[in-house]
Amino acid sequence: MASYTKQLEMESQEYQKLQKEFQQTIDSRTKLEAQLRENEAVQREFDRLEDDACVYKLIGPVLVKQERIEATSNVDKRIDFIRREIERVETQIKALSSKQDAKKEQIIKIQAAYQQSQGKVAA
């Protein structure tokens, strides 16, 4: 009986760790999606600019003039990077979800085995 309790406690702790990691990964995805929306808004603004418009980049407390082509290229690269990161995080979320499901099933099996052993003792 003590072994079931100890095993159940260990599995529950592992499940809680998985839940925490899952939540952190979800938070990470949320931040990435916000960054993506922000960069896509910048990209739309670049599309609206006239060809001869000046683009400035904030570096510390100073605005530095930047070539429009370079600025557009940097934003495009950043968007591509963020999208790849979102895909990576999505894969991680799926894996963690599967691990959580497996751990949950394992906990249910331990509980069922414990209840069966209690039934045999009572009989």
PDB file of N, CA and C in Angstrom:
ATOM      1  N   MET A   1       0.822  -1.185   0.000  1.00  0.00           N
ATOM      2  CA  MET A   1       0.000   0.000   0.000  1.00  0.00           C
ATOM      3  C   MET A   1       0.869   1.252   0.000  1.00  0.00           C
ATOM      4  N   ALA A   2       1.945   1.253   0.772  1.00  0.00           N
ATOM      5  CA  ALA A   2       2.839   2.407   0.833  1.00  0.00           C
ATOM      6  C   ALA A   2       3.538   2.618  -0.511  1.00  0.00           C
ATOM      7  N   SER A   3       3.795   1.510  -1.218  1.00  0.00           N
ATOM      8  CA  SER A   3       4.464   1.643  -2.510  1.00  0.00           C
ATOM      9  C   SER A   3       3.562   2.354  -3.520  1.00  0.00           C
ATOM     10  N   TYR A   4       2.248   2.078  -3.464  1.00  0.00           N
ATOM     11  CA  TYR A   4       1.307   2.764  -4.356  1.00  0.00           C
ATOM     12  C   TYR A   4       1.296   4.263  -4.058  1.00  0.00           C
ATOM     13  N   THR A   5       1.278   4.589  -2.781  1.00  0.00           N
ATOM     14  CA  THR A   5       1.236   5.996  -2.377  1.00  0.00           C
ATOM     15  C   THR A   5       2.496   6.715  -2.833  1.00  0.00           C
ATOM     16  N   LYS A   6       3.632   6.079  -2.609  1.00  0.00           N
ATOM     17  CA  LYS A   6       4.897   6.693  -2.995  1.00  0.00           C
ATOM     18  C   LYS A   6       4.979   6.840  -4.518  1.00  0.00           C
ATOM     19  N   GLN A   7       4.588   5.811  -5.231  1.00  0.00           N
ATOM     20  CA  GLN A   7       4.619   5.833  -6.690  1.00  0.00           C
ATOM     21  C   GLN A   7       3.664   6.905  -7.229  1.00  0.00           C
ATOM     22  N   LEU A   8       2.488   6.989  -6.633  1.00  0.00           N
ATOM     23  CA  LEU A   8       1.495   7.983  -7.045  1.00  0.00           C
ATOM     24  C   LEU A   8       2.016   9.398  -6.788  1.00  0.00           C
ATOM     25  N   GLU A   9       2.673   9.581  -5.670  1.00  0.00           N
ATOM     26  CA  GLU A   9       3.237  10.891  -5.337  1.00  0.00           C
ATOM     27  C   GLU A   9       4.320  11.286  -6.340  1.00  0.00           C
ATOM     28  N   MET A  10       5.188  10.351  -6.676  1.00  0.00           N
ATOM     29  CA  MET A  10       6.256  10.632  -7.647  1.00  0.00           C
ATOM     30  C   MET A  10       5.671  10.977  -9.013  1.00  0.00           C
ATOM     31  N   GLU A  11       4.697  10.198  -9.454  1.00  0.00           N
ATOM     32  CA  GLU A  11       4.074  10.435 -10.753  1.00  0.00           C
ATOM     33  C   GLU A  11       3.340  11.783 -10.769  1.00  0.00           C
ATOM     34  N   SER A  12       2.704  12.111  -9.662  1.00  0.00           N
ATOM     35  CA  SER A  12       1.993  13.391  -9.567  1.00  0.00           C
ATOM     36  C   SER A  12       2.966  14.561  -9.638  1.00  0.00           C
ATOM     37  N   GLN A  13       4.116  14.425  -8.997  1.00  0.00           N
ATOM     38  CA  GLN A  13       5.135  15.481  -9.056  1.00  0.00           C
ATOM     39  C   GLN A  13       5.649  15.654 -10.489  1.00  0.00           C
ATOM     40  N   GLU A  14       5.885  14.557 -11.156  1.00  0.00           N
ATOM     41  CA  GLU A  14       6.343  14.624 -12.550  1.00  0.00           C
ATOM     42  C   GLU A  14       5.273  15.265 -13.432  1.00  0.00           C
ATOM     43  N   TYR A  15       4.021  14.931 -13.165  1.00  0.00           N
ATOM     44  CA  TYR A  15       2.911  15.508 -13.929  1.00  0.00           C
ATOM     45  C   TYR A  15       2.847  17.023 -13.706  1.00  0.00           C
ATOM     46  N   GLN A  16       3.041  17.452 -12.473  1.00  0.00           N
ATOM     47  CA  GLN A  16       3.038  18.887 -12.168  1.00  0.00           C
ATOM     48  C   GLN A  16       4.189  19.605 -12.874  1.00  0.00           C
ATOM     49  N   LYS A  17       5.346  18.961 -12.938  1.00  0.00           N
ATOM     50  CA  LYS A  17       6.479  19.549 -13.656  1.00  0.00           C
ATOM     51  C   LYS A  17       6.152  19.701 -15.143  1.00  0.00           C
ATOM     52  N   LEU A  18       5.517  18.674 -15.694  1.00  0.00           N
ATOM     53  CA  LEU A  18       5.109  18.736 -17.104  1.00  0.00           C
ATOM     54  C   LEU A  18       4.104  19.863 -17.326  1.00  0.00           C
ATOM     55  N   GLN A  19       3.178  20.029 -16.404  1.00  0.00           N
ATOM     56  CA  GLN A  19       2.195  21.099 -16.529  1.00  0.00           C
ATOM     57  C   GLN A  19       2.864  22.469 -16.497  1.00  0.00           C
ATOM     58  N   LYS A  20       3.833  22.627 -15.613  1.00  0.00           N
ATOM     59  CA  LYS A  20       4.554  23.898 -15.500  1.00  0.00           C
ATOM     60  C   LYS A  20       5.330  24.190 -16.786  1.00  0.00           C
ATOM     61  N   GLU A  21       6.023  23.179 -17.294  1.00  0.00           N
ATOM     62  CA  GLU A  21       6.773  23.337 -18.540  1.00  0.00           C
ATOM     63  C   GLU A  21       5.838  23.646 -19.713  1.00  0.00           C
ATOM     64  N   PHE A  22       4.680  22.986 -19.720  1.00  0.00           N
ATOM     65  CA  PHE A  22       3.683  23.214 -20.762  1.00  0.00           C
ATOM     66  C   PHE A  22       3.210  24.670 -20.723  1.00  0.00           C
ATOM     67  N   GLN A  23       2.925  25.163 -19.520  1.00  0.00           N
ATOM     68  CA  GLN A  23       2.451  26.540 -19.377  1.00  0.00           C
ATOM     69  C   GLN A  23       3.531  27.543 -19.809  1.00  0.00           C
ATOM     70  N   GLN A  24       4.782  27.268 -19.469  1.00  0.00           N
ATOM     71  CA  GLN A  24       5.879  28.151 -19.881  1.00  0.00           C
ATOM     72  C   GLN A  24       6.001  28.164 -21.406  1.00  0.00           C
ATOM     73  N   THR A  25       5.809  27.027 -22.022  1.00  0.00           N
ATOM     74  CA  THR A  25       5.887  26.933 -23.483  1.00  0.00           C
ATOM     75  C   THR A  25       4.730  27.690 -24.133  1.00  0.00           C
ATOM     76  N   ILE A  26       3.552  27.590 -23.544  1.00  0.00           N
ATOM     77  CA  ILE A  26       2.395  28.342 -24.042  1.00  0.00           C
ATOM     78  C   ILE A  26       2.667  29.848 -23.929  1.00  0.00           C
ATOM     79  N   ASP A  27       3.234  30.261 -22.804  1.00  0.00           N
ATOM     80  CA  ASP A  27       3.577  31.676 -22.611  1.00  0.00           C
ATOM     81  C   ASP A  27       4.584  32.136 -23.661  1.00  0.00           C
ATOM     82  N   SER A  28       5.546  31.279 -23.949  1.00  0.00           N
ATOM     83  CA  SER A  28       6.557  31.588 -24.960  1.00  0.00           C
ATOM     84  C   SER A  28       5.911  31.777 -26.328  1.00  0.00           C
ATOM     85  N   ARG A  29       4.984  30.886 -26.663  1.00  0.00           N
ATOM     86  CA  ARG A  29       4.287  30.992 -27.948  1.00  0.00           C
ATOM     87  C   ARG A  29       3.487  32.287 -28.020  1.00  0.00           C
ATOM     88  N   THR A  30       2.849  32.658 -26.931  1.00  0.00           N
ATOM     89  CA  THR A  30       2.060  33.886 -26.882  1.00  0.00           C
ATOM     90  C   THR A  30       2.949  35.106 -27.145  1.00  0.00           C
ATOM     91  N   LYS A  31       4.124  35.118 -26.530  1.00  0.00           N
ATOM     92  CA  LYS A  31       5.061  36.230 -26.742  1.00  0.00           C
ATOM     93  C   LYS A  31       5.535  36.273 -28.191  1.00  0.00           C
ATOM     94  N   LEU A  32       5.822  35.107 -28.754  1.00  0.00           N
ATOM     95  CA  LEU A  32       6.270  35.051 -30.147  1.00  0.00           C
ATOM     96  C   LEU A  32       5.184  35.545 -31.092  1.00  0.00           C
ATOM     97  N   GLU A  33       3.954  35.176 -30.816  1.00  0.00           N
ATOM     98  CA  GLU A  33       2.851  35.621 -31.668  1.00  0.00           C
ATOM     99  C   GLU A  33       2.676  37.136 -31.592  1.00  0.00           C
ATOM    100  N   ALA A  34       2.877  37.709 -30.410  1.00  0.00           N
ATOM    101  CA  ALA A  34       2.799  39.163 -30.257  1.00  0.00           C
ATOM    102  C   ALA A  34       3.921  39.837 -31.048  1.00  0.00           C
ATOM    103  N   GLN A  35       5.120  39.268 -30.977  1.00  0.00           N
ATOM    104  CA  GLN A  35       6.246  39.806 -31.743  1.00  0.00           C
ATOM    105  C   GLN A  35       5.976  39.714 -33.238  1.00  0.00           C
ATOM    106  N   LEU A  36       5.381  38.611 -33.663  1.00  0.00           N
ATOM    107  CA  LEU A  36       5.069  38.433 -35.081  1.00  0.00           C
ATOM    108  C   LEU A  36       4.077  39.501 -35.544  1.00  0.00           C
ATOM    109  N   ARG A  37       3.020  39.709 -34.780  1.00  0.00           N
ATOM    110  CA  ARG A  37       2.031  40.730 -35.149  1.00  0.00           C
ATOM    111  C   ARG A  37       2.678  42.121 -35.223  1.00  0.00           C
ATOM    112  N   GLU A  38       3.545  42.405 -34.268  1.00  0.00           N
ATOM    113  CA  GLU A  38       4.226  43.703 -34.247  1.00  0.00           C
ATOM    114  C   GLU A  38       5.102  43.882 -35.484  1.00  0.00           C
ATOM    115  N   ASN A  39       5.849  42.868 -35.827  1.00  0.00           N
ATOM    116  CA  ASN A  39       6.734  42.950 -36.987  1.00  0.00           C
ATOM    117  C   ASN A  39       5.955  42.987 -38.296  1.00  0.00           C
ATOM    118  N   GLU A  40       4.839  42.285 -38.348  1.00  0.00           N
ATOM    119  CA  GLU A  40       3.996  42.342 -39.547  1.00  0.00           C
ATOM    120  C   GLU A  40       3.396  43.742 -39.707  1.00  0.00           C
ATOM    121  N   ALA A  41       3.093  44.408 -38.589  1.00  0.00           N
ATOM    122  CA  ALA A  41       2.590  45.783 -38.651  1.00  0.00           C
ATOM    123  C   ALA A  41       3.681  46.710 -39.198  1.00  0.00           C
ATOM    124  N   VAL A  42       4.910  46.504 -38.774  1.00  0.00           N
ATOM    125  CA  VAL A  42       6.034  47.293 -39.286  1.00  0.00           C
ATOM    126  C   VAL A  42       6.199  47.047 -40.780  1.00  0.00           C
ATOM    127  N   GLN A  43       6.081  45.796 -41.179  1.00  0.00           N
ATOM    128  CA  GLN A  43       6.199  45.442 -42.590  1.00  0.00           C
ATOM    129  C   GLN A  43       5.117  46.138 -43.424  1.00  0.00           C
ATOM    130  N   ARG A  44       3.894  46.177 -42.919  1.00  0.00           N
ATOM    131  CA  ARG A  44       2.818  46.871 -43.628  1.00  0.00           C
ATOM    132  C   ARG A  44       3.106  48.368 -43.746  1.00  0.00           C
ATOM    133  N   GLU A  45       3.685  48.937 -42.697  1.00  0.00           N
ATOM    134  CA  GLU A  45       4.047  50.359 -42.743  1.00  0.00           C
ATOM    135  C   GLU A  45       5.133  50.607 -43.796  1.00  0.00           C
ATOM    136  N   PHE A  46       6.102  49.711 -43.876  1.00  0.00           N
ATOM    137  CA  PHE A  46       7.150  49.838 -44.898  1.00  0.00           C
ATOM    138  C   PHE A  46       6.544  49.781 -46.295  1.00  0.00           C
ATOM    139  N   ASP A  47       5.541  48.931 -46.476  1.00  0.00           N
ATOM    140  CA  ASP A  47       4.895  48.807 -47.785  1.00  0.00           C
ATOM    141  C   ASP A  47       4.201  50.104 -48.199  1.00  0.00           C
ATOM    142  N   ARG A  48       3.753  50.864 -47.225  1.00  0.00           N
ATOM    143  CA  ARG A  48       3.067  52.120 -47.519  1.00  0.00           C
ATOM    144  C   ARG A  48       4.008  53.284 -47.827  1.00  0.00           C
ATOM    145  N   LEU A  49       5.268  53.149 -47.452  1.00  0.00           N
ATOM    146  CA  LEU A  49       6.220  54.251 -47.625  1.00  0.00           C
ATOM    147  C   LEU A  49       6.503  54.549 -49.091  1.00  0.00           C
ATOM    148  N   GLU A  50       6.784  55.799 -49.341  1.00  0.00           N
ATOM    149  CA  GLU A  50       7.252  56.211 -50.666  1.00  0.00           C
ATOM    150  C   GLU A  50       8.668  55.665 -50.845  1.00  0.00           C
ATOM    151  N   ASP A  51       9.101  55.505 -52.092  1.00  0.00           N
ATOM    152  CA  ASP A  51      10.423  54.952 -52.366  1.00  0.00           C
ATOM    153  C   ASP A  51      11.552  55.806 -51.792  1.00  0.00           C
ATOM    154  N   ASP A  52      11.337  57.116 -51.724  1.00  0.00           N
ATOM    155  CA  ASP A  52      12.412  58.001 -51.260  1.00  0.00           C
ATOM    156  C   ASP A  52      12.263  58.371 -49.777  1.00  0.00           C
ATOM    157  N   ALA A  53      11.388  57.681 -49.042  1.00  0.00           N
ATOM    158  CA  ALA A  53      11.168  57.987 -47.627  1.00  0.00           C
ATOM    159  C   ALA A  53      12.380  57.594 -46.795  1.00  0.00           C
ATOM    160  N   CYS A  54      12.627  58.380 -45.753  1.00  0.00           N
ATOM    161  CA  CYS A  54      13.732  58.084 -44.835  1.00  0.00           C
ATOM    162  C   CYS A  54      13.238  57.157 -43.732  1.00  0.00           C
ATOM    163  N   VAL A  55      14.074  56.208 -43.380  1.00  0.00           N
ATOM    164  CA  VAL A  55      13.769  55.272 -42.308  1.00  0.00           C
ATOM    165  C   VAL A  55      14.837  55.453 -41.237  1.00  0.00           C
ATOM    166  N   TYR A  56      14.388  55.537 -39.991  1.00  0.00           N
ATOM    167  CA  TYR A  56      15.305  55.694 -38.867  1.00  0.00           C
ATOM    168  C   TYR A  56      15.148  54.520 -37.919  1.00  0.00           C
ATOM    169  N   LYS A  57      16.277  54.140 -37.329  1.00  0.00           N
ATOM    170  CA  LYS A  57      16.277  53.030 -36.380  1.00  0.00           C
ATOM    171  C   LYS A  57      16.715  53.589 -35.027  1.00  0.00           C
ATOM    172  N   LEU A  58      16.016  53.188 -33.985  1.00  0.00           N
ATOM    173  CA  LEU A  58      16.349  53.637 -32.643  1.00  0.00           C
ATOM    174  C   LEU A  58      17.451  52.751 -32.085  1.00  0.00           C
ATOM    175  N   ILE A  59      18.605  53.336 -31.838  1.00  0.00           N
ATOM    176  CA  ILE A  59      19.731  52.614 -31.244  1.00  0.00           C
ATOM    177  C   ILE A  59      20.064  53.348 -29.953  1.00  0.00           C
ATOM    178  N   GLY A  60      19.702  52.732 -28.844  1.00  0.00           N
ATOM    179  CA  GLY A  60      19.852  53.408 -27.552  1.00  0.00           C
ATOM    180  C   GLY A  60      18.951  54.631 -27.551  1.00  0.00           C
ATOM    181  N   PRO A  61      19.501  55.798 -27.165  1.00  0.00           N
ATOM    182  CA  PRO A  61      18.683  57.014 -27.147  1.00  0.00           C
ATOM    183  C   PRO A  61      18.722  57.808 -28.467  1.00  0.00           C
ATOM    184  N   VAL A  62      19.354  57.245 -29.513  1.00  0.00           N
ATOM    185  CA  VAL A  62      19.592  57.984 -30.752  1.00  0.00           C
ATOM    186  C   VAL A  62      18.860  57.334 -31.928  1.00  0.00           C
ATOM    187  N   LEU A  63      18.278  58.183 -32.788  1.00  0.00           N
ATOM    188  CA  LEU A  63      17.703  57.712 -34.045  1.00  0.00           C
ATOM    189  C   LEU A  63      18.788  57.782 -35.110  1.00  0.00           C
ATOM    190  N   VAL A  64      19.043  56.659 -35.754  1.00  0.00           N
ATOM    191  CA  VAL A  64      20.082  56.574 -36.783  1.00  0.00           C
ATOM    192  C   VAL A  64      19.402  56.276 -38.118  1.00  0.00           C
ATOM    193  N   LYS A  65      19.779  57.037 -39.137  1.00  0.00           N
ATOM    194  CA  LYS A  65      19.199  56.831 -40.455  1.00  0.00           C
ATOM    195  C   LYS A  65      19.633  55.468 -40.986  1.00  0.00           C
ATOM    196  N   GLN A  66      18.689  54.780 -41.620  1.00  0.00           N
ATOM    197  CA  GLN A  66      18.966  53.443 -42.141  1.00  0.00           C
ATOM    198  C   GLN A  66      18.387  53.350 -43.546  1.00  0.00           C
ATOM    199  N   GLU A  67      19.053  52.606 -44.376  1.00  0.00           N
ATOM    200  CA  GLU A  67      18.547  52.387 -45.729  1.00  0.00           C
ATOM    201  C   GLU A  67      17.233  51.625 -45.646  1.00  0.00           C
ATOM    202  N   ARG A  68      16.275  52.042 -46.456  1.00  0.00           N
ATOM    203  CA  ARG A  68      14.951  51.413 -46.441  1.00  0.00           C
ATOM    204  C   ARG A  68      15.045  49.930 -46.799  1.00  0.00           C
ATOM    205  N   ILE A  69      15.870  49.608 -47.781  1.00  0.00           N
ATOM    206  CA  ILE A  69      16.031  48.214 -48.213  1.00  0.00           C
ATOM    207  C   ILE A  69      16.581  47.368 -47.069  1.00  0.00           C
ATOM    208  N   GLU A  70      17.559  47.906 -46.361  1.00  0.00           N
ATOM    209  CA  GLU A  70      18.160  47.182 -45.243  1.00  0.00           C
ATOM    210  C   GLU A  70      17.136  46.989 -44.119  1.00  0.00           C
ATOM    211  N   ALA A  71      16.379  48.044 -43.815  1.00  0.00           N
ATOM    212  CA  ALA A  71      15.367  47.961 -42.756  1.00  0.00           C
ATOM    213  C   ALA A  71      14.295  46.935 -43.123  1.00  0.00           C
ATOM    214  N   THR A  72      13.836  46.969 -44.364  1.00  0.00           N
ATOM    215  CA  THR A  72      12.819  46.019 -44.831  1.00  0.00           C
ATOM    216  C   THR A  72      13.358  44.595 -44.769  1.00  0.00           C
ATOM    217  N   SER A  73      14.584  44.427 -45.187  1.00  0.00           N
ATOM    218  CA  SER A  73      15.213  43.105 -45.156  1.00  0.00           C
ATOM    219  C   SER A  73      15.322  42.586 -43.726  1.00  0.00           C
ATOM    220  N   ASN A  74      15.708  43.459 -42.806  1.00  0.00           N
ATOM    221  CA  ASN A  74      15.818  43.049 -41.396  1.00  0.00           C
ATOM    222  C   ASN A  74      14.476  42.606 -40.834  1.00  0.00           C
ATOM    223  N   VAL A  75      13.421  43.344 -41.150  1.00  0.00           N
ATOM    224  CA  VAL A  75      12.085  42.985 -40.664  1.00  0.00           C
ATOM    225  C   VAL A  75      11.633  41.665 -41.285  1.00  0.00           C
ATOM    226  N   ASP A  76      11.884  41.481 -42.564  1.00  0.00           N
ATOM    227  CA  ASP A  76      11.517  40.220 -43.227  1.00  0.00           C
ATOM    228  C   ASP A  76      12.230  39.034 -42.585  1.00  0.00           C
ATOM    229  N   LYS A  77      13.521  39.204 -42.313  1.00  0.00           N
ATOM    230  CA  LYS A  77      14.300  38.134 -41.680  1.00  0.00           C
ATOM    231  C   LYS A  77      13.763  37.839 -40.277  1.00  0.00           C
ATOM    232  N   ARG A  78      13.435  38.903 -39.560  1.00  0.00           N
ATOM    233  CA  ARG A  78      12.906  38.732 -38.210  1.00  0.00           C
ATOM    234  C   ARG A  78      11.581  37.979 -38.248  1.00  0.00           C
ATOM    235  N   ILE A  79      10.724  38.302 -39.200  1.00  0.00           N
ATOM    236  CA  ILE A  79       9.430  37.612 -39.339  1.00  0.00           C
ATOM    237  C   ILE A  79       9.645  36.138 -39.650  1.00  0.00           C
ATOM    238  N   ASP A  80      10.567  35.839 -40.551  1.00  0.00           N
ATOM    239  CA  ASP A  80      10.867  34.435 -40.874  1.00  0.00           C
ATOM    240  C   ASP A  80      11.371  33.686 -39.643  1.00  0.00           C
ATOM    241  N   PHE A  81      12.269  34.330 -38.896  1.00  0.00           N
ATOM    242  CA  PHE A  81      12.816  33.707 -37.691  1.00  0.00           C
ATOM    243  C   PHE A  81      11.705  33.432 -36.676  1.00  0.00           C
ATOM    244  N   ILE A  82      10.848  34.418 -36.456  1.00  0.00           N
ATOM    245  CA  ILE A  82       9.766  34.262 -35.478  1.00  0.00           C
ATOM    246  C   ILE A  82       8.817  33.145 -35.902  1.00  0.00           C
ATOM    247  N   ARG A  83       8.508  33.066 -37.176  1.00  0.00           N
ATOM    248  CA  ARG A  83       7.623  31.993 -37.657  1.00  0.00           C
ATOM    249  C   ARG A  83       8.241  30.617 -37.424  1.00  0.00           C
ATOM    250  N   ARG A  84       9.544  30.501 -37.665  1.00  0.00           N
ATOM    251  CA  ARG A  84      10.224  29.215 -37.415  1.00  0.00           C
ATOM    252  C   ARG A  84      10.202  28.878 -35.926  1.00  0.00           C
ATOM    253  N   GLU A  85      10.393  29.895 -35.101  1.00  0.00           N
ATOM    254  CA  GLU A  85      10.348  29.680 -33.658  1.00  0.00           C
ATOM    255  C   GLU A  85       8.948  29.237 -33.215  1.00  0.00           C
ATOM    256  N   ILE A  86       7.930  29.835 -33.792  1.00  0.00           N
ATOM    257  CA  ILE A  86       6.556  29.442 -33.460  1.00  0.00           C
ATOM    258  C   ILE A  86       6.326  27.986 -33.845  1.00  0.00           C
ATOM    259  N   GLU A  87       6.811  27.576 -35.006  1.00  0.00           N
ATOM    260  CA  GLU A  87       6.682  26.169 -35.426  1.00  0.00           C
ATOM    261  C   GLU A  87       7.404  25.244 -34.450  1.00  0.00           C
ATOM    262  N   ARG A  88       8.596  25.647 -34.016  1.00  0.00           N
ATOM    263  CA  ARG A  88       9.375  24.843 -33.074  1.00  0.00           C
ATOM    264  C   ARG A  88       8.621  24.718 -31.748  1.00  0.00           C
ATOM    265  N   VAL A  89       8.081  25.821 -31.277  1.00  0.00           N
ATOM    266  CA  VAL A  89       7.351  25.822 -30.018  1.00  0.00           C
ATOM    267  C   VAL A  89       6.066  24.999 -30.141  1.00  0.00           C
ATOM    268  N   GLU A  90       5.402  25.073 -31.289  1.00  0.00           N
ATOM    269  CA  GLU A  90       4.195  24.263 -31.511  1.00  0.00           C
ATOM    270  C   GLU A  90       4.526  22.774 -31.417  1.00  0.00           C
ATOM    271  N   THR A  91       5.642  22.376 -31.999  1.00  0.00           N
ATOM    272  CA  THR A  91       6.088  20.982 -31.918  1.00  0.00           C
ATOM    273  C   THR A  91       6.347  20.598 -30.466  1.00  0.00           C
ATOM    274  N   GLN A  92       6.974  21.502 -29.740  1.00  0.00           N
ATOM    275  CA  GLN A  92       7.263  21.261 -28.327  1.00  0.00           C
ATOM    276  C   GLN A  92       5.956  21.138 -27.526  1.00  0.00           C
ATOM    277  N   ILE A  93       4.979  21.969 -27.845  1.00  0.00           N
ATOM    278  CA  ILE A  93       3.684  21.922 -27.152  1.00  0.00           C
ATOM    279  C   ILE A  93       3.006  20.571 -27.394  1.00  0.00           C
ATOM    280  N   LYS A  94       3.046  20.099 -28.648  1.00  0.00           N
ATOM    281  CA  LYS A  94       2.436  18.800 -28.959  1.00  0.00           C
ATOM    282  C   LYS A  94       3.123  17.677 -28.189  1.00  0.00           C
ATOM    283  N   ALA A  95       4.452  17.727 -28.126  1.00  0.00           N
ATOM    284  CA  ALA A  95       5.202  16.690 -27.410  1.00  0.00           C
ATOM    285  C   ALA A  95       4.870  16.717 -25.919  1.00  0.00           C
ATOM    286  N   LEU A  96       4.815  17.909 -25.350  1.00  0.00           N
ATOM    287  CA  LEU A  96       4.500  18.019 -23.926  1.00  0.00           C
ATOM    288  C   LEU A  96       3.071  17.570 -23.640  1.00  0.00           C
ATOM    289  N   SER A  97       2.171  17.863 -24.548  1.00  0.00           N
ATOM    290  CA  SER A  97       0.791  17.440 -24.387  1.00  0.00           C
ATOM    291  C   SER A  97       0.702  15.917 -24.384  1.00  0.00           C
ATOM    292  N   SER A  98       1.438  15.282 -25.272  1.00  0.00           N
ATOM    293  CA  SER A  98       1.466  13.812 -25.319  1.00  0.00           C
ATOM    294  C   SER A  98       2.050  13.242 -24.032  1.00  0.00           C
ATOM    295  N   LYS A  99       3.121  13.860 -23.545  1.00  0.00           N
ATOM    296  CA  LYS A  99       3.735  13.393 -22.301  1.00  0.00           C
ATOM    297  C   LYS A  99       2.763  13.540 -21.131  1.00  0.00           C
ATOM    298  N   GLN A 100       2.027  14.659 -21.116  1.00  0.00           N
ATOM    299  CA  GLN A 100       1.046  14.869 -20.051  1.00  0.00           C
ATOM    300  C   GLN A 100      -0.038  13.793 -20.097  1.00  0.00           C
ATOM    301  N   ASP A 101      -0.523  13.505 -21.297  1.00  0.00           N
ATOM    302  CA  ASP A 101      -1.560  12.488 -21.443  1.00  0.00           C
ATOM    303  C   ASP A 101      -1.063  11.129 -20.972  1.00  0.00           C
ATOM    304  N   ALA A 102       0.157  10.793 -21.348  1.00  0.00           N
ATOM    305  CA  ALA A 102       0.731   9.503 -20.932  1.00  0.00           C
ATOM    306  C   ALA A 102       0.893   9.447 -19.415  1.00  0.00           C
ATOM    307  N   LYS A 103       1.351  10.546 -18.831  1.00  0.00           N
ATOM    308  CA  LYS A 103       1.546  10.589 -17.382  1.00  0.00           C
ATOM    309  C   LYS A 103       0.198  10.485 -16.661  1.00  0.00           C
ATOM    310  N   LYS A 104      -0.820  11.137 -17.213  1.00  0.00           N
ATOM    311  CA  LYS A 104      -2.157  11.086 -16.627  1.00  0.00           C
ATOM    312  C   LYS A 104      -2.680   9.646 -16.643  1.00  0.00           C
ATOM    313  N   GLU A 105      -2.486   8.956 -17.763  1.00  0.00           N
ATOM    314  CA  GLU A 105      -2.913   7.558 -17.866  1.00  0.00           C
ATOM    315  C   GLU A 105      -2.177   6.691 -16.852  1.00  0.00           C
ATOM    316  N   GLN A 106      -0.887   6.972 -16.679  1.00  0.00           N
ATOM    317  CA  GLN A 106      -0.087   6.213 -15.731  1.00  0.00           C
ATOM    318  C   GLN A 106      -0.624   6.417 -14.304  1.00  0.00           C
ATOM    319  N   ILE A 107      -0.974   7.649 -13.976  1.00  0.00           N
ATOM    320  CA  ILE A 107      -1.521   7.951 -12.649  1.00  0.00           C
ATOM    321  C   ILE A 107      -2.856   7.223 -12.457  1.00  0.00           C
ATOM    322  N   ILE A 108      -3.683   7.227 -13.475  1.00  0.00           N
ATOM    323  CA  ILE A 108      -4.980   6.539 -13.386  1.00  0.00           C
ATOM    324  C   ILE A 108      -4.779   5.043 -13.177  1.00  0.00           C
ATOM    325  N   LYS A 109      -3.807   4.451 -13.860  1.00  0.00           N
ATOM    326  CA  LYS A 109      -3.529   3.021 -13.690  1.00  0.00           C
ATOM    327  C   LYS A 109      -3.073   2.720 -12.263  1.00  0.00           C
ATOM    328  N   ILE A 110      -2.229   3.575 -11.721  1.00  0.00           N
ATOM    329  CA  ILE A 110      -1.751   3.369 -10.350  1.00  0.00           C
ATOM    330  C   ILE A 110      -2.923   3.469  -9.375  1.00  0.00           C
ATOM    331  N   GLN A 111      -3.790   4.455  -9.586  1.00  0.00           N
ATOM    332  CA  GLN A 111      -4.959   4.609  -8.718  1.00  0.00           C
ATOM    333  C   GLN A 111      -5.878   3.389  -8.813  1.00  0.00           C
ATOM    334  N   ALA A 112      -6.061   2.886 -10.022  1.00  0.00           N
ATOM    335  CA  ALA A 112      -6.915   1.704 -10.206  1.00  0.00           C
ATOM    336  C   ALA A 112      -6.300   0.486  -9.522  1.00  0.00           C
ATOM    337  N   ALA A 113      -4.994   0.325  -9.659  1.00  0.00           N
ATOM    338  CA  ALA A 113      -4.318  -0.809  -9.017  1.00  0.00           C
ATOM    339  C   ALA A 113      -4.432  -0.694  -7.497  1.00  0.00           C
ATOM    340  N   TYR A 114      -4.308   0.518  -6.998  1.00  0.00           N
ATOM    341  CA  TYR A 114      -4.432   0.745  -5.550  1.00  0.00           C
ATOM    342  C   TYR A 114      -5.842   0.393  -5.073  1.00  0.00           C
ATOM    343  N   GLN A 115      -6.854   0.831  -5.835  1.00  0.00           N
ATOM    344  CA  GLN A 115      -8.233   0.552  -5.462  1.00  0.00           C
ATOM    345  C   GLN A 115      -8.527  -0.951  -5.517  1.00  0.00           C
ATOM    346  N   GLN A 116      -7.934  -1.635  -6.503  1.00  0.00           N
ATOM    347  CA  GLN A 116      -8.113  -3.090  -6.591  1.00  0.00           C
ATOM    348  C   GLN A 116      -7.485  -3.778  -5.386  1.00  0.00           C
ATOM    349  N   SER A 117      -6.313  -3.312  -5.006  1.00  0.00           N
ATOM    350  CA  SER A 117      -5.659  -3.929  -3.857  1.00  0.00           C
ATOM    351  C   SER A 117      -6.447  -3.658  -2.575  1.00  0.00           C
ATOM    352  N   GLN A 118      -7.092  -2.505  -2.484  1.00  0.00           N
ATOM    353  CA  GLN A 118      -7.942  -2.196  -1.337  1.00  0.00           C
ATOM    354  C   GLN A 118      -9.171  -3.110  -1.311  1.00  0.00           C
ATOM    355  N   GLY A 119      -9.713  -3.381  -2.494  1.00  0.00           N
ATOM    356  CA  GLY A 119     -10.875  -4.270  -2.586  1.00  0.00           C
ATOM    357  C   GLY A 119     -10.539  -5.691  -2.167  1.00  0.00           C
ATOM    358  N   LYS A 120      -9.349  -6.158  -2.537  1.00  0.00           N
ATOM    359  CA  LYS A 120      -8.925  -7.510  -2.171  1.00  0.00           C
ATOM    360  C   LYS A 120      -8.687  -7.613  -0.663  1.00  0.00           C
ATOM    361  N   VAL A 121      -8.133  -6.545  -0.074  1.00  0.00           N
ATOM    362  CA  VAL A 121      -7.871  -6.544   1.361  1.00  0.00           C
ATOM    363  C   VAL A 121      -9.192  -6.561   2.137  1.00  0.00           C
ATOM    364  N   ALA A 122     -10.171  -5.808   1.641  1.00  0.00           N
ATOM    365  CA  ALA A 122     -11.487  -5.729   2.297  1.00  0.00           C
ATOM    366  C   ALA A 122     -12.243  -7.068   2.209  1.00  0.00           C
ATOM    367  N   ALA A 123     -12.005  -7.796   1.120  1.00  0.00           N
ATOM    368  CA  ALA A 123     -12.708  -9.070   0.919  1.00  0.00           C
ATOM    369  C   ALA A 123     -12.058 -10.131   1.724  1.00  0.00           C
TER     370      ALA A 123
END
